[in-house]
């Protein structure tokens, strides 16, 4: 036998066999724990679903307000937009400003 096989075999722990009544009791406890956990998870899912729908509804409201504002602007009297000032034919560079010295009293 190889040393690895011996280590594996010696690492195995044999569990005590449980009788029928004790086994049923353990299973009932496990089932009760699972039911409790399931209820808890269902409550969490309900809370998160409610939060998600609130967030979704606020996003829908925001987008509807944006659409309404755009439609109102489109239907309103056309407002003349100010364009950019066109730069004239002059393209001379500005002189850089120099700091002025303070006159000291003599």
N, C-alpha and C. Protein backbone atom coordinates (compact mmCIF):
# COMPACT_ATOMS: atom_id res chain seq x y z
N UNK A 1 0.84 -1.19 0.00
CA UNK A 1 0.00 0.00 0.00
C UNK A 1 0.88 1.25 0.00
N UNK A 2 0.51 2.22 -0.81
CA UNK A 2 1.27 3.46 -0.89
C UNK A 2 0.97 4.31 0.35
N UNK A 3 1.90 5.19 0.73
CA UNK A 3 1.67 6.03 1.91
C UNK A 3 0.45 6.94 1.76
N UNK A 4 0.16 7.39 0.55
CA UNK A 4 -1.00 8.27 0.33
C UNK A 4 -2.29 7.51 0.61
N UNK A 5 -2.37 6.26 0.20
CA UNK A 5 -3.56 5.46 0.45
C UNK A 5 -3.76 5.20 1.94
N UNK A 6 -2.66 4.94 2.65
CA UNK A 6 -2.74 4.70 4.09
C UNK A 6 -3.25 5.96 4.80
N UNK A 7 -2.76 7.13 4.38
CA UNK A 7 -3.17 8.38 5.01
C UNK A 7 -4.66 8.62 4.78
N UNK A 8 -5.13 8.31 3.56
CA UNK A 8 -6.54 8.49 3.26
C UNK A 8 -7.42 7.56 4.09
N UNK A 9 -7.00 6.32 4.20
CA UNK A 9 -7.79 5.35 4.94
C UNK A 9 -7.81 5.68 6.42
N UNK A 10 -6.68 6.14 6.96
CA UNK A 10 -6.64 6.44 8.38
C UNK A 10 -7.37 7.75 8.68
N UNK A 11 -7.53 8.63 7.67
CA UNK A 11 -8.22 9.90 7.88
C UNK A 11 -9.73 9.73 7.95
N UNK A 12 -10.22 8.61 7.45
CA UNK A 12 -11.67 8.37 7.48
C UNK A 12 -12.12 8.18 8.92
N UNK A 13 -13.21 8.83 9.23
CA UNK A 13 -13.77 8.70 10.56
C UNK A 13 -15.09 7.98 10.42
N UNK A 14 -15.27 6.96 11.18
CA UNK A 14 -16.51 6.21 11.10
C UNK A 14 -17.53 6.84 12.04
N UNK A 15 -18.69 7.19 11.49
CA UNK A 15 -19.74 7.79 12.30
C UNK A 15 -20.50 6.71 13.04
N UNK A 16 -20.99 7.14 14.17
CA UNK A 16 -21.80 6.23 14.97
C UNK A 16 -23.14 6.05 14.27
N UNK A 17 -23.57 4.84 14.10
CA UNK A 17 -24.86 4.59 13.47
C UNK A 17 -25.97 5.01 14.43
N UNK A 18 -26.95 5.67 13.86
CA UNK A 18 -28.02 6.20 14.68
C UNK A 18 -29.24 5.29 14.55
N UNK A 19 -29.97 5.14 15.63
CA UNK A 19 -31.17 4.31 15.61
C UNK A 19 -32.30 5.00 14.88
N UNK A 20 -33.37 4.27 14.61
CA UNK A 20 -34.50 4.80 13.84
C UNK A 20 -35.15 6.01 14.46
N UNK A 21 -35.44 5.98 15.76
CA UNK A 21 -36.11 7.10 16.42
C UNK A 21 -35.24 8.35 16.45
N UNK A 22 -33.95 8.14 16.74
CA UNK A 22 -33.02 9.28 16.79
C UNK A 22 -32.83 9.89 15.40
N UNK A 23 -32.77 9.04 14.40
CA UNK A 23 -32.62 9.49 13.01
C UNK A 23 -33.81 10.34 12.60
N UNK A 24 -35.00 9.90 12.93
CA UNK A 24 -36.21 10.65 12.59
C UNK A 24 -36.21 12.00 13.30
N UNK A 25 -35.77 12.02 14.55
CA UNK A 25 -35.71 13.29 15.30
C UNK A 25 -34.74 14.26 14.63
N UNK A 26 -33.56 13.77 14.24
CA UNK A 26 -32.57 14.63 13.57
C UNK A 26 -33.13 15.17 12.26
N UNK A 27 -33.78 14.30 11.50
CA UNK A 27 -34.35 14.74 10.22
C UNK A 27 -35.45 15.78 10.43
N UNK A 28 -36.29 15.60 11.44
CA UNK A 28 -37.34 16.57 11.75
C UNK A 28 -36.74 17.93 12.11
N UNK A 29 -35.65 17.92 12.90
CA UNK A 29 -34.98 19.18 13.26
C UNK A 29 -34.41 19.86 12.02
N UNK A 30 -33.81 19.07 11.14
CA UNK A 30 -33.24 19.63 9.91
C UNK A 30 -34.33 20.22 9.03
N UNK A 31 -35.44 19.52 8.90
CA UNK A 31 -36.56 20.01 8.09
C UNK A 31 -37.11 21.31 8.68
N UNK A 32 -37.26 21.34 10.02
CA UNK A 32 -37.76 22.56 10.67
C UNK A 32 -36.82 23.74 10.41
N UNK A 33 -35.52 23.48 10.48
CA UNK A 33 -34.52 24.53 10.21
C UNK A 33 -34.61 25.01 8.76
N UNK A 34 -34.79 24.08 7.84
CA UNK A 34 -34.92 24.45 6.43
C UNK A 34 -36.19 25.28 6.18
N UNK A 35 -37.27 24.92 6.84
CA UNK A 35 -38.52 25.67 6.68
C UNK A 35 -38.34 27.10 7.20
N UNK A 36 -37.68 27.21 8.36
CA UNK A 36 -37.43 28.53 8.95
C UNK A 36 -36.58 29.40 8.01
N UNK A 37 -35.52 28.77 7.45
CA UNK A 37 -34.64 29.49 6.53
C UNK A 37 -35.40 29.89 5.26
N UNK A 38 -36.26 29.01 4.79
CA UNK A 38 -37.05 29.30 3.59
C UNK A 38 -37.96 30.50 3.82
N UNK A 39 -38.62 30.56 4.97
CA UNK A 39 -39.48 31.70 5.29
C UNK A 39 -38.69 33.00 5.31
N UNK A 40 -37.51 32.92 5.94
CA UNK A 40 -36.65 34.10 6.04
C UNK A 40 -36.25 34.59 4.64
N UNK A 41 -35.86 33.66 3.78
CA UNK A 41 -35.45 34.02 2.42
C UNK A 41 -36.62 34.59 1.62
N UNK A 42 -37.82 34.04 1.83
CA UNK A 42 -39.00 34.56 1.12
C UNK A 42 -39.27 36.00 1.52
N UNK A 43 -39.13 36.30 2.83
CA UNK A 43 -39.34 37.68 3.29
C UNK A 43 -38.32 38.62 2.65
N UNK A 44 -37.06 38.16 2.57
CA UNK A 44 -36.02 38.98 1.94
C UNK A 44 -36.32 39.23 0.47
N UNK A 45 -36.78 38.20 -0.22
CA UNK A 45 -37.12 38.35 -1.64
C UNK A 45 -38.26 39.36 -1.81
N UNK A 46 -39.27 39.27 -0.94
CA UNK A 46 -40.39 40.22 -1.02
C UNK A 46 -39.92 41.65 -0.81
N UNK A 47 -39.05 41.86 0.20
CA UNK A 47 -38.52 43.21 0.47
C UNK A 47 -37.75 43.74 -0.72
N UNK A 48 -36.86 42.90 -1.26
CA UNK A 48 -36.03 43.34 -2.38
C UNK A 48 -36.86 43.60 -3.63
N UNK A 49 -37.89 42.79 -3.84
CA UNK A 49 -38.77 43.00 -4.99
C UNK A 49 -39.50 44.32 -4.84
N UNK A 50 -39.97 44.62 -3.64
CA UNK A 50 -40.67 45.88 -3.40
C UNK A 50 -39.74 47.05 -3.65
N UNK A 51 -38.51 46.95 -3.15
CA UNK A 51 -37.53 48.03 -3.36
C UNK A 51 -37.24 48.21 -4.83
N UNK A 52 -37.08 47.08 -5.53
CA UNK A 52 -36.77 47.14 -6.96
C UNK A 52 -37.89 47.79 -7.74
N UNK A 53 -39.13 47.49 -7.39
CA UNK A 53 -40.25 48.09 -8.12
C UNK A 53 -40.35 49.58 -7.80
N UNK A 54 -40.02 49.99 -6.56
CA UNK A 54 -40.01 51.42 -6.23
C UNK A 54 -38.97 52.14 -7.06
N UNK A 55 -37.78 51.57 -7.15
CA UNK A 55 -36.71 52.20 -7.93
C UNK A 55 -37.10 52.27 -9.40
N UNK A 56 -37.70 51.19 -9.90
CA UNK A 56 -38.10 51.17 -11.30
C UNK A 56 -39.18 52.20 -11.56
N UNK A 57 -40.14 52.33 -10.62
CA UNK A 57 -41.21 53.29 -10.85
C UNK A 57 -40.68 54.72 -10.82
N UNK A 58 -39.72 55.00 -9.94
CA UNK A 58 -39.16 56.36 -9.92
C UNK A 58 -38.39 56.65 -11.20
N UNK A 59 -37.72 55.64 -11.74
CA UNK A 59 -36.99 55.83 -13.00
C UNK A 59 -37.98 56.08 -14.14
N UNK A 60 -39.10 55.37 -14.13
CA UNK A 60 -40.12 55.56 -15.17
C UNK A 60 -40.71 56.97 -15.06
N UNK A 61 -40.99 57.40 -13.82
CA UNK A 61 -41.53 58.76 -13.64
C UNK A 61 -40.56 59.80 -14.17
N UNK A 62 -39.29 59.64 -13.86
CA UNK A 62 -38.27 60.59 -14.30
C UNK A 62 -38.22 60.66 -15.82
N UNK A 63 -38.25 59.50 -16.47
CA UNK A 63 -38.18 59.50 -17.93
C UNK A 63 -39.44 60.10 -18.54
N UNK A 64 -40.61 59.87 -17.91
CA UNK A 64 -41.84 60.47 -18.41
C UNK A 64 -41.81 61.99 -18.30
N UNK A 65 -41.28 62.49 -17.18
CA UNK A 65 -41.16 63.95 -17.03
C UNK A 65 -40.24 64.54 -18.08
N UNK A 66 -39.16 63.83 -18.38
CA UNK A 66 -38.22 64.29 -19.41
C UNK A 66 -38.90 64.34 -20.76
N UNK A 67 -39.65 63.31 -21.09
CA UNK A 67 -40.36 63.28 -22.38
C UNK A 67 -41.39 64.40 -22.44
N UNK A 68 -42.11 64.60 -21.34
CA UNK A 68 -43.13 65.66 -21.30
C UNK A 68 -42.48 67.03 -21.52
N UNK A 69 -41.33 67.26 -20.87
CA UNK A 69 -40.63 68.54 -21.02
C UNK A 69 -40.18 68.73 -22.46
N UNK A 70 -39.69 67.68 -23.10
CA UNK A 70 -39.25 67.79 -24.50
C UNK A 70 -40.42 68.10 -25.42
N UNK A 71 -41.56 67.45 -25.18
CA UNK A 71 -42.74 67.69 -26.01
C UNK A 71 -43.21 69.13 -25.85
N UNK A 72 -43.24 69.62 -24.61
CA UNK A 72 -43.66 71.00 -24.38
C UNK A 72 -42.74 71.99 -25.08
N UNK A 73 -41.45 71.72 -25.02
CA UNK A 73 -40.50 72.61 -25.70
C UNK A 73 -40.71 72.58 -27.21
N UNK A 74 -40.99 71.37 -27.73
CA UNK A 74 -41.18 71.25 -29.17
C UNK A 74 -42.46 71.96 -29.62
N UNK A 75 -43.50 71.94 -28.79
CA UNK A 75 -44.77 72.57 -29.18
C UNK A 75 -44.79 74.07 -28.90
N UNK A 76 -43.91 74.54 -28.05
CA UNK A 76 -43.87 75.97 -27.71
C UNK A 76 -43.41 76.76 -28.91
N UNK A 77 -43.64 78.08 -28.83
CA UNK A 77 -43.21 78.95 -29.93
C UNK A 77 -41.70 78.81 -30.10
N UNK A 78 -41.28 78.77 -31.35
CA UNK A 78 -39.84 78.58 -31.58
C UNK A 78 -39.04 79.76 -31.00
N UNK A 79 -38.09 79.44 -30.19
CA UNK A 79 -37.24 80.45 -29.57
C UNK A 79 -35.95 80.50 -30.36
N UNK A 80 -35.57 81.73 -30.71
CA UNK A 80 -34.36 81.89 -31.48
C UNK A 80 -33.18 81.57 -30.58
N UNK A 81 -32.40 80.62 -31.00
CA UNK A 81 -31.25 80.22 -30.20
C UNK A 81 -30.08 81.13 -30.49
N UNK A 82 -29.34 81.39 -29.46
CA UNK A 82 -28.12 82.18 -29.65
C UNK A 82 -27.03 81.27 -30.17
N UNK A 83 -26.47 81.64 -31.26
CA UNK A 83 -25.37 80.85 -31.80
C UNK A 83 -24.06 81.33 -31.23
N UNK A 84 -23.04 80.67 -31.60
CA UNK A 84 -21.72 81.11 -31.16
C UNK A 84 -21.34 82.36 -31.93
N UNK A 85 -20.57 83.19 -31.26
CA UNK A 85 -20.10 84.39 -31.97
C UNK A 85 -19.07 83.94 -32.98
N UNK A 86 -19.27 84.41 -34.20
CA UNK A 86 -18.33 84.00 -35.24
C UNK A 86 -17.06 84.83 -35.09
N UNK A 87 -15.97 84.15 -35.22
CA UNK A 87 -14.71 84.89 -35.14
C UNK A 87 -14.52 85.59 -36.48
N UNK A 88 -14.18 86.85 -36.38
CA UNK A 88 -14.03 87.65 -37.59
C UNK A 88 -12.80 87.25 -38.37
N UNK A 89 -12.48 88.06 -39.36
CA UNK A 89 -11.33 87.76 -40.20
C UNK A 89 -10.04 87.97 -39.41
N UNK A 90 -10.15 88.74 -38.31
CA UNK A 90 -8.96 89.01 -37.50
C UNK A 90 -8.57 87.75 -36.73
N UNK A 91 -7.33 87.39 -36.86
CA UNK A 91 -6.84 86.27 -36.08
C UNK A 91 -5.50 86.63 -35.45
N UNK A 92 -5.41 87.85 -34.95
CA UNK A 92 -4.15 88.28 -34.34
C UNK A 92 -4.07 87.75 -32.93
N UNK A 93 -2.88 87.53 -32.47
CA UNK A 93 -2.68 87.02 -31.12
C UNK A 93 -2.77 88.16 -30.13
N UNK A 94 -3.30 87.85 -28.98
CA UNK A 94 -3.36 88.85 -27.92
C UNK A 94 -2.01 88.94 -27.25
N UNK A 95 -1.70 90.11 -26.78
CA UNK A 95 -0.46 90.25 -26.03
C UNK A 95 -0.71 89.73 -24.62
N UNK A 96 0.30 89.10 -24.06
CA UNK A 96 0.13 88.60 -22.71
C UNK A 96 0.21 89.76 -21.73
N UNK A 97 -0.60 89.71 -20.73
CA UNK A 97 -0.64 90.78 -19.74
C UNK A 97 0.56 90.63 -18.81
N UNK A 98 1.18 91.76 -18.51
CA UNK A 98 2.31 91.73 -17.57
C UNK A 98 1.86 92.34 -16.28
N UNK A 99 2.44 91.90 -15.20
CA UNK A 99 2.07 92.42 -13.89
C UNK A 99 2.63 93.83 -13.74
N UNK A 100 1.82 94.72 -13.23
CA UNK A 100 2.28 96.10 -13.02
C UNK A 100 2.95 96.19 -11.67
N UNK A 101 3.99 96.99 -11.63
CA UNK A 101 4.68 97.18 -10.36
C UNK A 101 4.04 98.33 -9.60
N UNK A 102 3.99 98.15 -8.29
CA UNK A 102 3.45 99.22 -7.47
C UNK A 102 4.50 100.31 -7.32
N UNK A 103 4.01 101.52 -7.37
CA UNK A 103 4.96 102.62 -7.17
C UNK A 103 5.19 102.77 -5.67
N UNK A 104 6.43 102.84 -5.30
CA UNK A 104 6.73 102.99 -3.88
C UNK A 104 6.89 104.47 -3.57
N UNK A 105 6.44 104.88 -2.43
CA UNK A 105 6.56 106.28 -2.03
C UNK A 105 7.99 106.56 -1.62
N UNK A 106 8.54 107.65 -2.15
CA UNK A 106 9.94 107.97 -1.86
C UNK A 106 10.06 108.99 -0.78
